[in-house]
């Protein structure tokens, strides 16, 4: 697998399916900034409709809609329907993820922890989602909510250094010095002090 982070402002994203897993995926997409994503339900789903709002559509995407998508998540649908929709989407060069069906996926979702703009991920190439979730839990405990503010602070400081004309090696050195002074990483690894 090749790890990447997708910018939802630059891509057309869609989700198709229903049920609690589809709702969770929609919430993760929204948390990632996918404000223009479309949500297609193969059957009525009040909770998903309430969460997706104006993006909610009853019915699966047709060929015209698929041709406009870049990425599609298929969640909570019967295997045969999910496989058929995935194949149809791939014919339109759409990247497809069918939840819990590695053989129908163009990509896999990483387990994620979000702390503001800080995104920590774990992937097992779809081999053991349970292990990925356990590691995700460890990361969530280790990197608490305060890390969102810490990244904001460091990001603002880096912007100031860049505005002064600092090059990449200088930025890296200043970042390392900043982290040493704050002790943020040292508190995570007390044995390395």
N, C-alpha and C. Protein backbone atom coordinates (compact mmCIF):
# COMPACT_ATOMS: atom_id res chain seq x y z
N UNK A 1 0.84 -1.18 0.00
CA UNK A 1 0.00 0.00 0.00
C UNK A 1 0.88 1.24 0.00
N UNK A 2 0.37 2.29 -0.61
CA UNK A 2 1.05 3.58 -0.66
C UNK A 2 0.26 4.55 0.20
N UNK A 3 0.81 4.99 1.32
CA UNK A 3 0.04 5.90 2.19
C UNK A 3 -0.01 7.31 1.61
N UNK A 4 -1.21 7.87 1.56
CA UNK A 4 -1.39 9.26 1.13
C UNK A 4 -2.49 9.88 1.97
N UNK A 5 -2.56 11.19 1.96
CA UNK A 5 -3.67 11.92 2.57
C UNK A 5 -4.35 12.69 1.45
N UNK A 6 -5.65 12.52 1.32
CA UNK A 6 -6.40 13.17 0.25
C UNK A 6 -6.96 14.50 0.74
N UNK A 7 -6.90 15.52 -0.11
CA UNK A 7 -7.48 16.82 0.21
C UNK A 7 -8.90 16.84 -0.32
N UNK A 8 -9.91 16.79 0.55
CA UNK A 8 -11.29 16.72 0.08
C UNK A 8 -11.75 17.97 -0.65
N UNK A 9 -10.99 19.06 -0.55
CA UNK A 9 -11.34 20.28 -1.30
C UNK A 9 -10.99 20.13 -2.77
N UNK A 10 -10.11 19.18 -3.09
CA UNK A 10 -9.64 19.01 -4.46
C UNK A 10 -10.27 17.82 -5.16
N UNK A 11 -11.11 17.05 -4.45
CA UNK A 11 -11.66 15.81 -5.00
C UNK A 11 -13.17 15.75 -4.78
N UNK A 12 -13.83 14.96 -5.61
CA UNK A 12 -15.25 14.68 -5.44
C UNK A 12 -15.38 13.32 -4.76
N UNK A 13 -15.91 13.34 -3.55
CA UNK A 13 -16.01 12.14 -2.73
C UNK A 13 -17.46 11.71 -2.59
N UNK A 14 -17.66 10.41 -2.46
CA UNK A 14 -19.00 9.89 -2.25
C UNK A 14 -18.99 8.70 -1.31
N UNK A 15 -20.12 8.50 -0.67
CA UNK A 15 -20.33 7.34 0.18
C UNK A 15 -21.65 6.71 -0.25
N UNK A 16 -21.67 5.39 -0.36
CA UNK A 16 -22.90 4.68 -0.71
C UNK A 16 -23.14 3.58 0.31
N UNK A 17 -24.37 3.46 0.78
CA UNK A 17 -24.71 2.40 1.72
C UNK A 17 -25.69 2.87 2.76
N UNK A 18 -25.68 2.19 3.90
CA UNK A 18 -26.58 2.53 4.99
C UNK A 18 -26.09 1.85 6.27
N UNK A 19 -26.71 2.22 7.38
CA UNK A 19 -26.43 1.57 8.65
C UNK A 19 -25.37 2.28 9.48
N UNK A 20 -25.12 1.74 10.68
CA UNK A 20 -24.17 2.37 11.61
C UNK A 20 -22.76 2.53 11.04
N UNK A 21 -22.28 1.56 10.28
CA UNK A 21 -20.92 1.67 9.72
C UNK A 21 -20.86 2.79 8.69
N UNK A 22 -21.92 2.95 7.89
CA UNK A 22 -21.96 4.04 6.91
C UNK A 22 -22.00 5.39 7.63
N UNK A 23 -22.76 5.46 8.70
CA UNK A 23 -22.83 6.69 9.49
C UNK A 23 -21.46 7.04 10.05
N UNK A 24 -20.75 6.05 10.61
CA UNK A 24 -19.39 6.29 11.13
C UNK A 24 -18.46 6.78 10.03
N UNK A 25 -18.52 6.15 8.87
CA UNK A 25 -17.65 6.56 7.76
C UNK A 25 -17.98 7.99 7.35
N UNK A 26 -19.28 8.32 7.28
CA UNK A 26 -19.67 9.69 6.91
C UNK A 26 -19.11 10.69 7.93
N UNK A 27 -19.19 10.35 9.21
CA UNK A 27 -18.67 11.24 10.25
C UNK A 27 -17.16 11.41 10.13
N UNK A 28 -16.45 10.35 9.77
CA UNK A 28 -15.00 10.46 9.56
C UNK A 28 -14.69 11.33 8.35
N UNK A 29 -15.47 11.19 7.29
CA UNK A 29 -15.27 12.04 6.12
C UNK A 29 -15.50 13.51 6.49
N UNK A 30 -16.57 13.77 7.23
CA UNK A 30 -16.86 15.14 7.64
C UNK A 30 -15.74 15.69 8.52
N UNK A 31 -15.23 14.88 9.45
CA UNK A 31 -14.14 15.31 10.32
C UNK A 31 -12.89 15.63 9.52
N UNK A 32 -12.73 14.97 8.37
CA UNK A 32 -11.59 15.23 7.50
C UNK A 32 -11.80 16.41 6.56
N UNK A 33 -12.95 17.08 6.68
CA UNK A 33 -13.19 18.27 5.86
C UNK A 33 -13.91 18.02 4.56
N UNK A 34 -14.53 16.86 4.40
CA UNK A 34 -15.20 16.51 3.14
C UNK A 34 -16.59 17.14 3.08
N UNK A 35 -16.64 18.45 3.03
CA UNK A 35 -17.91 19.18 3.07
C UNK A 35 -18.70 19.07 1.76
N UNK A 36 -18.03 18.72 0.66
CA UNK A 36 -18.72 18.61 -0.63
C UNK A 36 -19.07 17.16 -0.98
N UNK A 37 -18.81 16.23 -0.08
CA UNK A 37 -19.07 14.82 -0.36
C UNK A 37 -20.57 14.58 -0.52
N UNK A 38 -20.91 13.56 -1.29
CA UNK A 38 -22.30 13.15 -1.48
C UNK A 38 -22.53 11.82 -0.79
N UNK A 39 -23.74 11.64 -0.27
CA UNK A 39 -24.09 10.43 0.48
C UNK A 39 -25.28 9.76 -0.20
N UNK A 40 -25.07 8.55 -0.69
CA UNK A 40 -26.10 7.79 -1.41
C UNK A 40 -26.53 6.61 -0.54
N UNK A 41 -27.83 6.52 -0.25
CA UNK A 41 -28.33 5.42 0.58
C UNK A 41 -29.11 4.45 -0.29
N UNK A 42 -28.75 3.17 -0.21
CA UNK A 42 -29.45 2.16 -0.99
C UNK A 42 -30.78 1.80 -0.36
N UNK A 43 -31.02 2.27 0.85
CA UNK A 43 -32.32 2.12 1.50
C UNK A 43 -32.46 3.25 2.51
N UNK A 44 -33.68 3.58 2.93
CA UNK A 44 -33.85 4.70 3.87
C UNK A 44 -33.02 4.51 5.14
N UNK A 45 -32.43 5.60 5.61
CA UNK A 45 -31.59 5.57 6.81
C UNK A 45 -31.70 6.95 7.47
N UNK A 46 -32.59 7.06 8.45
CA UNK A 46 -32.88 8.35 9.07
C UNK A 46 -31.65 8.97 9.73
N UNK A 47 -30.85 8.16 10.42
CA UNK A 47 -29.67 8.70 11.11
C UNK A 47 -28.66 9.24 10.10
N UNK A 48 -28.42 8.49 9.03
CA UNK A 48 -27.48 8.93 8.01
C UNK A 48 -28.01 10.18 7.31
N UNK A 49 -29.30 10.21 7.03
CA UNK A 49 -29.89 11.38 6.38
C UNK A 49 -29.77 12.61 7.27
N UNK A 50 -30.01 12.46 8.57
CA UNK A 50 -29.90 13.59 9.49
C UNK A 50 -28.47 14.12 9.53
N UNK A 51 -27.50 13.22 9.52
CA UNK A 51 -26.09 13.62 9.58
C UNK A 51 -25.62 14.25 8.27
N UNK A 52 -26.04 13.68 7.14
CA UNK A 52 -25.57 14.15 5.83
C UNK A 52 -26.31 15.38 5.34
N UNK A 53 -27.52 15.60 5.81
CA UNK A 53 -28.27 16.80 5.42
C UNK A 53 -28.50 16.87 3.92
N UNK A 54 -28.16 18.02 3.33
CA UNK A 54 -28.40 18.25 1.90
C UNK A 54 -27.58 17.34 0.99
N UNK A 55 -26.55 16.71 1.52
CA UNK A 55 -25.72 15.81 0.71
C UNK A 55 -26.36 14.44 0.53
N UNK A 56 -27.43 14.16 1.27
CA UNK A 56 -28.07 12.84 1.27
C UNK A 56 -28.91 12.64 0.01
N UNK A 57 -28.76 11.47 -0.59
CA UNK A 57 -29.55 11.07 -1.76
C UNK A 57 -30.06 9.66 -1.53
N UNK A 58 -31.35 9.44 -1.79
CA UNK A 58 -31.88 8.07 -1.75
C UNK A 58 -31.61 7.46 -3.11
N UNK A 59 -31.05 6.28 -3.12
CA UNK A 59 -30.69 5.61 -4.36
C UNK A 59 -29.19 5.65 -4.57
N UNK A 60 -28.71 4.72 -5.36
CA UNK A 60 -27.27 4.62 -5.62
C UNK A 60 -26.87 5.52 -6.78
N UNK A 61 -25.60 5.91 -6.83
CA UNK A 61 -25.15 6.79 -7.91
C UNK A 61 -25.26 6.10 -9.27
N UNK A 62 -25.73 6.86 -10.26
CA UNK A 62 -25.81 6.33 -11.62
C UNK A 62 -24.49 6.58 -12.34
N UNK A 63 -24.41 6.15 -13.59
CA UNK A 63 -23.17 6.29 -14.36
C UNK A 63 -22.72 7.75 -14.46
N UNK A 64 -23.64 8.65 -14.69
CA UNK A 64 -23.27 10.06 -14.81
C UNK A 64 -22.66 10.58 -13.51
N UNK A 65 -23.28 10.24 -12.39
CA UNK A 65 -22.75 10.68 -11.10
C UNK A 65 -21.40 10.02 -10.81
N UNK A 66 -21.30 8.73 -11.08
CA UNK A 66 -20.02 8.04 -10.86
C UNK A 66 -18.90 8.66 -11.68
N UNK A 67 -19.21 9.10 -12.88
CA UNK A 67 -18.18 9.68 -13.75
C UNK A 67 -17.64 10.99 -13.18
N UNK A 68 -18.36 11.58 -12.22
CA UNK A 68 -17.92 12.84 -11.62
C UNK A 68 -17.22 12.63 -10.27
N UNK A 69 -17.23 11.39 -9.78
CA UNK A 69 -16.58 11.11 -8.50
C UNK A 69 -15.12 10.71 -8.70
N UNK A 70 -14.32 10.98 -7.68
CA UNK A 70 -12.93 10.54 -7.66
C UNK A 70 -12.74 9.36 -6.71
N UNK A 71 -13.48 9.37 -5.60
CA UNK A 71 -13.34 8.35 -4.57
C UNK A 71 -14.74 7.98 -4.05
N UNK A 72 -14.97 6.68 -3.85
CA UNK A 72 -16.25 6.20 -3.35
C UNK A 72 -16.04 5.17 -2.25
N UNK A 73 -16.68 5.37 -1.11
CA UNK A 73 -16.72 4.39 -0.03
C UNK A 73 -18.07 3.68 -0.11
N UNK A 74 -18.06 2.36 -0.06
CA UNK A 74 -19.28 1.56 -0.09
C UNK A 74 -19.35 0.81 1.24
N UNK A 75 -20.43 1.08 2.00
CA UNK A 75 -20.50 0.59 3.38
C UNK A 75 -21.91 0.09 3.70
N UNK A 76 -21.98 -1.11 4.27
CA UNK A 76 -23.25 -1.61 4.78
C UNK A 76 -24.18 -2.20 3.74
N UNK A 77 -23.70 -2.41 2.54
CA UNK A 77 -24.54 -2.98 1.48
C UNK A 77 -24.30 -4.48 1.38
N UNK A 78 -25.28 -5.24 0.88
CA UNK A 78 -25.06 -6.67 0.64
C UNK A 78 -23.86 -6.86 -0.30
N UNK A 79 -23.10 -7.93 -0.08
CA UNK A 79 -21.86 -8.16 -0.83
C UNK A 79 -22.04 -8.06 -2.34
N UNK A 80 -23.05 -8.71 -2.89
CA UNK A 80 -23.20 -8.71 -4.35
C UNK A 80 -23.50 -7.31 -4.87
N UNK A 81 -24.32 -6.54 -4.16
CA UNK A 81 -24.62 -5.17 -4.58
C UNK A 81 -23.39 -4.27 -4.46
N UNK A 82 -22.66 -4.45 -3.36
CA UNK A 82 -21.44 -3.65 -3.15
C UNK A 82 -20.41 -3.95 -4.23
N UNK A 83 -20.23 -5.23 -4.55
CA UNK A 83 -19.26 -5.62 -5.58
C UNK A 83 -19.66 -5.04 -6.94
N UNK A 84 -20.95 -5.10 -7.27
CA UNK A 84 -21.42 -4.58 -8.56
C UNK A 84 -21.22 -3.07 -8.64
N UNK A 85 -21.55 -2.35 -7.57
CA UNK A 85 -21.37 -0.90 -7.58
C UNK A 85 -19.88 -0.55 -7.64
N UNK A 86 -19.06 -1.29 -6.92
CA UNK A 86 -17.63 -1.05 -6.96
C UNK A 86 -17.05 -1.24 -8.35
N UNK A 87 -17.46 -2.30 -9.03
CA UNK A 87 -16.98 -2.56 -10.39
C UNK A 87 -17.44 -1.46 -11.34
N UNK A 88 -18.68 -1.06 -11.20
CA UNK A 88 -19.22 0.02 -12.04
C UNK A 88 -18.43 1.32 -11.82
N UNK A 89 -18.14 1.63 -10.56
CA UNK A 89 -17.38 2.84 -10.24
C UNK A 89 -15.96 2.76 -10.79
N UNK A 90 -15.32 1.60 -10.69
CA UNK A 90 -13.96 1.45 -11.21
C UNK A 90 -13.91 1.65 -12.72
N UNK A 91 -14.97 1.28 -13.42
CA UNK A 91 -15.01 1.53 -14.87
C UNK A 91 -14.95 3.02 -15.18
N UNK A 92 -15.36 3.83 -14.22
CA UNK A 92 -15.29 5.29 -14.36
C UNK A 92 -14.02 5.85 -13.73
N UNK A 93 -13.06 4.98 -13.43
CA UNK A 93 -11.76 5.37 -12.85
C UNK A 93 -11.90 5.97 -11.45
N UNK A 94 -12.92 5.54 -10.71
CA UNK A 94 -13.13 5.98 -9.33
C UNK A 94 -12.36 5.04 -8.41
N UNK A 95 -11.65 5.59 -7.44
CA UNK A 95 -11.03 4.78 -6.40
C UNK A 95 -12.14 4.31 -5.47
N UNK A 96 -12.15 3.01 -5.16
CA UNK A 96 -13.26 2.40 -4.42
C UNK A 96 -12.76 1.68 -3.17
N UNK A 97 -13.51 1.86 -2.08
CA UNK A 97 -13.31 1.07 -0.88
C UNK A 97 -14.64 0.43 -0.51
N UNK A 98 -14.67 -0.90 -0.48
CA UNK A 98 -15.84 -1.63 0.00
C UNK A 98 -15.46 -2.15 1.38
N UNK A 99 -16.14 -1.62 2.40
CA UNK A 99 -15.75 -1.93 3.77
C UNK A 99 -15.72 -3.42 4.04
N UNK A 100 -14.60 -3.86 4.62
CA UNK A 100 -14.37 -5.26 5.01
C UNK A 100 -14.34 -6.23 3.84
N UNK A 101 -14.06 -5.76 2.64
CA UNK A 101 -13.94 -6.62 1.46
C UNK A 101 -12.68 -6.23 0.69
N UNK A 102 -11.54 -6.70 1.15
CA UNK A 102 -10.25 -6.34 0.55
C UNK A 102 -10.22 -6.59 -0.94
N UNK A 103 -10.87 -7.67 -1.39
CA UNK A 103 -10.81 -8.03 -2.81
C UNK A 103 -11.56 -7.05 -3.70
N UNK A 104 -12.37 -6.17 -3.13
CA UNK A 104 -13.12 -5.18 -3.91
C UNK A 104 -12.59 -3.76 -3.73
N UNK A 105 -11.43 -3.61 -3.11
CA UNK A 105 -10.93 -2.29 -2.75
C UNK A 105 -9.77 -1.82 -3.62
N UNK A 106 -9.81 -0.55 -4.00
CA UNK A 106 -8.67 0.12 -4.62
C UNK A 106 -7.75 0.68 -3.55
N UNK A 107 -8.29 0.88 -2.35
CA UNK A 107 -7.53 1.43 -1.23
C UNK A 107 -8.17 0.95 0.06
N UNK A 108 -7.42 1.10 1.15
CA UNK A 108 -7.92 0.74 2.48
C UNK A 108 -7.90 1.98 3.35
N UNK A 109 -8.79 2.02 4.32
CA UNK A 109 -8.83 3.14 5.26
C UNK A 109 -7.91 2.85 6.44
N UNK A 110 -7.16 3.84 6.81
CA UNK A 110 -6.32 3.72 8.00
C UNK A 110 -7.17 4.03 9.23
N UNK A 111 -6.86 3.38 10.34
CA UNK A 111 -7.45 3.77 11.62
C UNK A 111 -6.84 5.12 11.97
N UNK A 112 -7.65 6.05 12.44
CA UNK A 112 -7.14 7.41 12.61
C UNK A 112 -7.47 8.01 13.97
N UNK A 113 -6.57 8.92 14.37
CA UNK A 113 -6.77 9.75 15.54
C UNK A 113 -6.57 11.18 15.07
N UNK A 114 -7.57 12.03 15.28
CA UNK A 114 -7.48 13.45 14.90
C UNK A 114 -7.35 14.31 16.15
N UNK A 115 -6.38 15.18 16.08
CA UNK A 115 -6.18 16.19 17.11
C UNK A 115 -5.98 17.52 16.38
N UNK A 116 -7.07 18.21 16.08
CA UNK A 116 -6.97 19.40 15.25
C UNK A 116 -6.46 18.99 13.88
N UNK A 117 -5.40 19.65 13.42
CA UNK A 117 -4.80 19.30 12.13
C UNK A 117 -3.83 18.13 12.22
N UNK A 118 -3.56 17.65 13.42
CA UNK A 118 -2.68 16.49 13.59
C UNK A 118 -3.48 15.23 13.31
N UNK A 119 -3.04 14.46 12.34
CA UNK A 119 -3.71 13.21 11.98
C UNK A 119 -2.71 12.07 12.12
N UNK A 120 -3.01 11.16 13.04
CA UNK A 120 -2.18 9.97 13.27
C UNK A 120 -2.95 8.78 12.71
N UNK A 121 -2.27 7.94 11.94
CA UNK A 121 -2.96 6.82 11.30
C UNK A 121 -2.22 5.51 11.50
N UNK A 122 -2.98 4.42 11.40
CA UNK A 122 -2.44 3.07 11.49
C UNK A 122 -3.07 2.25 10.39
N UNK A 123 -2.26 1.49 9.67
CA UNK A 123 -2.79 0.62 8.63
C UNK A 123 -2.14 -0.75 8.71
N UNK A 124 -2.95 -1.77 8.48
CA UNK A 124 -2.44 -3.14 8.42
C UNK A 124 -2.67 -3.73 7.03
N UNK A 125 -2.86 -2.86 6.03
CA UNK A 125 -3.16 -3.29 4.66
C UNK A 125 -4.43 -4.14 4.63
N UNK A 126 -5.34 -3.83 5.54
CA UNK A 126 -6.60 -4.56 5.60
C UNK A 126 -6.50 -5.94 6.23
N UNK A 127 -5.32 -6.34 6.69
CA UNK A 127 -5.12 -7.69 7.22
C UNK A 127 -5.73 -7.87 8.60
N UNK A 128 -5.68 -6.82 9.44
CA UNK A 128 -6.23 -6.96 10.79
C UNK A 128 -6.76 -5.62 11.28
N UNK A 129 -7.98 -5.27 10.88
CA UNK A 129 -8.57 -4.02 11.36
C UNK A 129 -8.62 -3.96 12.89
N UNK A 130 -8.78 -5.11 13.54
CA UNK A 130 -8.82 -5.13 15.00
C UNK A 130 -7.51 -4.66 15.62
N UNK A 131 -6.38 -5.10 15.05
CA UNK A 131 -5.08 -4.65 15.54
C UNK A 131 -4.93 -3.15 15.29
N UNK A 132 -5.32 -2.70 14.11
CA UNK A 132 -5.22 -1.27 13.81
C UNK A 132 -6.03 -0.45 14.81
N UNK A 133 -7.21 -0.94 15.18
CA UNK A 133 -8.04 -0.23 16.15
C UNK A 133 -7.40 -0.21 17.53
N UNK A 134 -6.76 -1.29 17.93
CA UNK A 134 -6.08 -1.32 19.23
C UNK A 134 -4.93 -0.31 19.26
N UNK A 135 -4.16 -0.27 18.18
CA UNK A 135 -3.05 0.70 18.12
C UNK A 135 -3.61 2.12 18.08
N UNK A 136 -4.71 2.31 17.35
CA UNK A 136 -5.36 3.62 17.30
C UNK A 136 -5.75 4.05 18.71
N UNK A 137 -6.29 3.14 19.50
CA UNK A 137 -6.65 3.45 20.88
C UNK A 137 -5.45 3.87 21.71
N UNK A 138 -4.33 3.17 21.51
CA UNK A 138 -3.09 3.53 22.20
C UNK A 138 -2.66 4.95 21.81
N UNK A 139 -2.70 5.25 20.52
CA UNK A 139 -2.32 6.59 20.06
C UNK A 139 -3.26 7.65 20.62
N UNK A 140 -4.55 7.34 20.68
CA UNK A 140 -5.52 8.30 21.21
C UNK A 140 -5.25 8.62 22.68
N UNK A 141 -4.82 7.61 23.45
CA UNK A 141 -4.48 7.85 24.85
C UNK A 141 -3.17 8.60 24.98
N UNK A 142 -2.22 8.28 24.12
CA UNK A 142 -0.90 8.89 24.19
C UNK A 142 -0.91 10.34 23.73
N UNK A 143 -1.63 10.61 22.65
CA UNK A 143 -1.72 11.95 22.08
C UNK A 143 -3.11 12.50 22.38
N UNK A 144 -3.26 13.12 23.55
CA UNK A 144 -4.55 13.63 23.99
C UNK A 144 -4.99 14.87 23.22
N UNK A 145 -6.14 15.41 23.57
CA UNK A 145 -6.70 16.57 22.87
C UNK A 145 -5.78 17.79 22.85
N UNK A 146 -4.90 17.89 23.83
CA UNK A 146 -3.98 19.04 23.88
C UNK A 146 -3.07 19.12 22.66
N UNK A 147 -2.89 18.00 21.97
CA UNK A 147 -2.00 18.00 20.81
C UNK A 147 -2.53 18.83 19.64
N UNK A 148 -3.83 19.02 19.56
CA UNK A 148 -4.38 19.91 18.53
C UNK A 148 -3.87 21.33 18.73
N UNK A 149 -3.90 21.81 19.97
CA UNK A 149 -3.39 23.14 20.27
C UNK A 149 -1.89 23.23 20.12
N UNK A 150 -1.20 22.15 20.47
CA UNK A 150 0.26 22.15 20.33
C UNK A 150 0.66 22.28 18.87
N UNK A 151 -0.02 21.55 17.99
CA UNK A 151 0.30 21.68 16.57
C UNK A 151 -0.01 23.09 16.08
N UNK A 152 -1.10 23.65 16.53
CA UNK A 152 -1.45 25.02 16.14
C UNK A 152 -0.34 25.99 16.55
N UNK A 153 0.14 25.85 17.78
CA UNK A 153 1.23 26.70 18.28
C UNK A 153 2.49 26.53 17.43
N UNK A 154 2.89 25.29 17.22
CA UNK A 154 4.09 25.03 16.43
C UNK A 154 3.91 25.47 14.98
N UNK A 155 2.74 25.24 14.41
CA UNK A 155 2.48 25.67 13.04
C UNK A 155 2.57 27.17 12.88
N UNK A 156 2.03 27.91 13.85
CA UNK A 156 2.12 29.37 13.80
C UNK A 156 3.57 29.82 13.92
N UNK A 157 4.34 29.16 14.79
CA UNK A 157 5.75 29.50 14.95
C UNK A 157 6.51 29.23 13.66
N UNK A 158 6.22 28.09 13.02
CA UNK A 158 6.88 27.74 11.76
C UNK A 158 6.54 28.77 10.67
N UNK A 159 5.28 29.20 10.63
CA UNK A 159 4.90 30.24 9.66
C UNK A 159 5.72 31.51 9.88
N UNK A 160 5.93 31.87 11.14
CA UNK A 160 6.73 33.06 11.45
C UNK A 160 8.17 32.87 10.99
N UNK A 161 8.74 31.69 11.24
CA UNK A 161 10.11 31.43 10.80
C UNK A 161 10.21 31.49 9.28
N UNK A 162 9.23 30.92 8.60
CA UNK A 162 9.24 30.92 7.12
C UNK A 162 9.15 32.35 6.59
N UNK A 163 8.35 33.19 7.25
CA UNK A 163 8.21 34.58 6.79
C UNK A 163 9.52 35.35 6.94
N UNK A 164 10.41 34.84 7.80
CA UNK A 164 11.73 35.45 7.97
C UNK A 164 12.73 34.92 6.94
N UNK A 165 12.27 33.98 6.10
CA UNK A 165 13.12 33.47 5.03
C UNK A 165 13.90 32.21 5.38
N UNK A 166 13.59 31.57 6.49
CA UNK A 166 14.32 30.35 6.86
C UNK A 166 14.11 29.25 5.83
N UNK A 167 15.20 28.53 5.50
CA UNK A 167 15.11 27.41 4.55
C UNK A 167 14.71 26.14 5.30
N UNK A 168 14.52 25.05 4.56
CA UNK A 168 14.03 23.80 5.16
C UNK A 168 14.96 23.26 6.25
N UNK A 169 16.28 23.18 6.03
CA UNK A 169 17.14 22.69 7.11
C UNK A 169 17.06 23.55 8.37
N UNK A 170 16.97 24.87 8.20
CA UNK A 170 16.86 25.77 9.35
C UNK A 170 15.53 25.56 10.06
N UNK A 171 14.45 25.41 9.28
CA UNK A 171 13.13 25.14 9.87
C UNK A 171 13.15 23.84 10.68
N UNK A 172 13.79 22.82 10.13
CA UNK A 172 13.88 21.53 10.84
C UNK A 172 14.65 21.69 12.14
N UNK A 173 15.75 22.42 12.11
CA UNK A 173 16.55 22.63 13.32
C UNK A 173 15.78 23.44 14.36
N UNK A 174 15.09 24.48 13.91
CA UNK A 174 14.31 25.30 14.84
C UNK A 174 13.15 24.50 15.43
N UNK A 175 12.54 23.64 14.61
CA UNK A 175 11.46 22.79 15.12
C UNK A 175 11.99 21.85 16.19
N UNK A 176 13.12 21.23 15.93
CA UNK A 176 13.73 20.32 16.91
C UNK A 176 14.04 21.07 18.21
N UNK A 177 14.60 22.26 18.10
CA UNK A 177 14.92 23.07 19.28
C UNK A 177 13.63 23.43 20.04
N UNK A 178 12.59 23.80 19.32
CA UNK A 178 11.31 24.14 19.92
C UNK A 178 10.76 22.95 20.70
N UNK A 179 10.82 21.77 20.08
CA UNK A 179 10.31 20.56 20.74
C UNK A 179 11.14 20.21 21.98
N UNK A 180 12.45 20.43 21.90
CA UNK A 180 13.31 20.20 23.07
C UNK A 180 12.92 21.14 24.21
N UNK A 181 12.70 22.42 23.86
CA UNK A 181 12.36 23.41 24.88
C UNK A 181 11.00 23.15 25.52
N UNK A 182 10.02 22.75 24.73
CA UNK A 182 8.68 22.51 25.28
C UNK A 182 8.60 21.19 26.02
N UNK A 183 9.42 20.22 25.64
CA UNK A 183 9.39 18.91 26.27
C UNK A 183 8.19 18.06 25.89
N UNK A 184 7.46 18.47 24.86
CA UNK A 184 6.24 17.75 24.48
C UNK A 184 6.50 16.29 24.14
N UNK A 185 7.54 16.03 23.37
CA UNK A 185 7.82 14.64 23.01
C UNK A 185 8.54 13.91 24.14
N UNK A 186 9.34 14.62 24.90
CA UNK A 186 10.06 14.00 26.01
C UNK A 186 9.08 13.45 27.04
N UNK A 187 7.94 14.12 27.22
CA UNK A 187 6.96 13.62 28.20
C UNK A 187 6.33 12.31 27.73
N UNK A 188 6.37 12.05 26.43
CA UNK A 188 5.85 10.78 25.90
C UNK A 188 6.87 9.66 26.01
N UNK A 189 8.15 10.05 26.06
CA UNK A 189 9.24 9.06 26.07
C UNK A 189 10.20 9.37 27.21
N UNK A 190 9.77 9.23 28.46
CA UNK A 190 10.62 9.62 29.58
C UNK A 190 11.94 8.86 29.63
N UNK A 191 11.99 7.66 29.08
CA UNK A 191 13.23 6.87 29.10
C UNK A 191 14.28 7.44 28.14
N UNK A 192 13.91 8.38 27.29
CA UNK A 192 14.86 8.94 26.32
C UNK A 192 15.38 10.31 26.72
N UNK A 193 15.06 10.78 27.90
CA UNK A 193 15.50 12.12 28.32
C UNK A 193 16.99 12.23 28.36
